[in-house]
Amino acid sequence: MEVQIVVIILLLSVVLDYLWFDQDGKRWGWLKHWTRMQKTLFLSSFLLAALVIYIGLSLEYL
């Protein structure tokens, strides 16, 4: 259950930052000329890396 909450929070924060908070394109502007497939692969690998880091750091407490 805790891992699901972390996944939802991470996914929600990246999506909100990409679609809503970064209006002027300063943080995500370098992705502008990428294809939809490249953006999807990048964002999903970003999410996967964040999950691996979270799980790796919390192994002691699981």
C-alpha atoms as a PDB file:
ATOM      1  CA  MET A   1       0.000   0.000   0.000  1.00  0.00           C
ATOM      2  CA  GLU A   2       2.792   2.430   0.862  1.00  0.00           C
ATOM      3  CA  VAL A   3       4.563   1.798  -2.434  1.00  0.00           C
ATOM      4  CA  GLN A   4       1.347   2.513  -4.337  1.00  0.00           C
ATOM      5  CA  ILE A   5       0.987   5.844  -2.557  1.00  0.00           C
ATOM      6  CA  VAL A   6       4.578   6.765  -3.434  1.00  0.00           C
ATOM      7  CA  VAL A   7       4.002   5.813  -7.084  1.00  0.00           C
ATOM      8  CA  ILE A   8       0.894   7.961  -7.227  1.00  0.00           C
ATOM      9  CA  ILE A   9       2.656  10.924  -5.605  1.00  0.00           C
ATOM     10  CA  LEU A  10       5.671  10.671  -7.917  1.00  0.00           C
ATOM     11  CA  LEU A  11       3.559  10.276 -11.030  1.00  0.00           C
ATOM     12  CA  LEU A  12       1.251  13.106 -10.042  1.00  0.00           C
ATOM     13  CA  SER A  13       4.122  15.475  -9.248  1.00  0.00           C
ATOM     14  CA  VAL A  14       5.919  14.845 -12.557  1.00  0.00           C
ATOM     15  CA  VAL A  15       2.731  15.153 -14.600  1.00  0.00           C
ATOM     16  CA  LEU A  16       1.642  18.327 -12.804  1.00  0.00           C
ATOM     17  CA  ASP A  17       5.083  19.866 -13.202  1.00  0.00           C
ATOM     18  CA  TYR A  18       5.223  18.990 -16.897  1.00  0.00           C
ATOM     19  CA  LEU A  19       1.687  20.038 -17.810  1.00  0.00           C
ATOM     20  CA  TRP A  20       0.759  22.797 -15.380  1.00  0.00           C
ATOM     21  CA  PHE A  21       3.587  24.353 -13.344  1.00  0.00           C
ATOM     22  CA  ASP A  22       6.158  24.699 -16.152  1.00  0.00           C
ATOM     23  CA  GLN A  23       4.236  27.185 -18.279  1.00  0.00           C
ATOM     24  CA  ASP A  24       7.275  28.940 -19.782  1.00  0.00           C
ATOM     25  CA  GLY A  25       9.145  25.719 -20.675  1.00  0.00           C
ATOM     26  CA  LYS A  26      12.289  26.383 -18.653  1.00  0.00           C
ATOM     27  CA  ARG A  27      12.512  23.003 -16.930  1.00  0.00           C
ATOM     28  CA  TRP A  28      11.039  20.740 -19.609  1.00  0.00           C
ATOM     29  CA  GLY A  29      11.711  22.894 -22.698  1.00  0.00           C
ATOM     30  CA  TRP A  30      14.529  20.645 -23.855  1.00  0.00           C
ATOM     31  CA  LEU A  31      11.923  17.900 -24.435  1.00  0.00           C
ATOM     32  CA  LYS A  32       9.994  20.080 -26.878  1.00  0.00           C
ATOM     33  CA  HIS A  33      11.378  18.524 -30.069  1.00  0.00           C
ATOM     34  CA  TRP A  34      11.199  14.927 -28.863  1.00  0.00           C
ATOM     35  CA  THR A  35       8.580  12.530 -30.196  1.00  0.00           C
ATOM     36  CA  ARG A  36       5.758  11.309 -27.992  1.00  0.00           C
ATOM     37  CA  MET A  37       7.453   7.901 -27.746  1.00  0.00           C
ATOM     38  CA  GLN A  38      10.738   9.440 -26.569  1.00  0.00           C
ATOM     39  CA  LYS A  39       8.935  11.554 -23.961  1.00  0.00           C
ATOM     40  CA  THR A  40       7.022   8.510 -22.708  1.00  0.00           C
ATOM     41  CA  LEU A  41      10.198   6.441 -22.447  1.00  0.00           C
ATOM     42  CA  PHE A  42      12.022   9.231 -20.625  1.00  0.00           C
ATOM     43  CA  LEU A  43       9.247   9.922 -18.119  1.00  0.00           C
ATOM     44  CA  SER A  44       8.644   6.236 -17.419  1.00  0.00           C
ATOM     45  CA  SER A  45      12.364   5.609 -16.910  1.00  0.00           C
ATOM     46  CA  PHE A  46      12.444   8.647 -14.602  1.00  0.00           C
ATOM     47  CA  LEU A  47       9.584   7.153 -12.605  1.00  0.00           C
ATOM     48  CA  LEU A  48      11.275   3.751 -12.529  1.00  0.00           C
ATOM     49  CA  ALA A  49      14.537   5.276 -11.273  1.00  0.00           C
ATOM     50  CA  ALA A  50      12.670   7.163  -8.536  1.00  0.00           C
ATOM     51  CA  LEU A  51      10.933   3.944  -7.461  1.00  0.00           C
ATOM     52  CA  VAL A  52      14.194   2.006  -7.381  1.00  0.00           C
ATOM     53  CA  ILE A  53      15.765   4.713  -5.226  1.00  0.00           C
ATOM     54  CA  TYR A  54      12.754   4.757  -2.894  1.00  0.00           C
ATOM     55  CA  ILE A  55      12.651   0.982  -2.535  1.00  0.00           C
ATOM     56  CA  GLY A  56      16.433   0.804  -2.134  1.00  0.00           C
ATOM     57  CA  LEU A  57      16.422   3.344   0.645  1.00  0.00           C
ATOM     58  CA  SER A  58      13.456   1.795   2.446  1.00  0.00           C
ATOM     59  CA  LEU A  59      14.524  -1.876   2.324  1.00  0.00           C
ATOM     60  CA  GLU A  60      15.552  -1.693   5.968  1.00  0.00           C
ATOM     61  CA  TYR A  61      11.999  -0.757   6.960  1.00  0.00           C
ATOM     62  CA  LEU A  62      10.013  -3.151   4.741  1.00  0.00           C
END
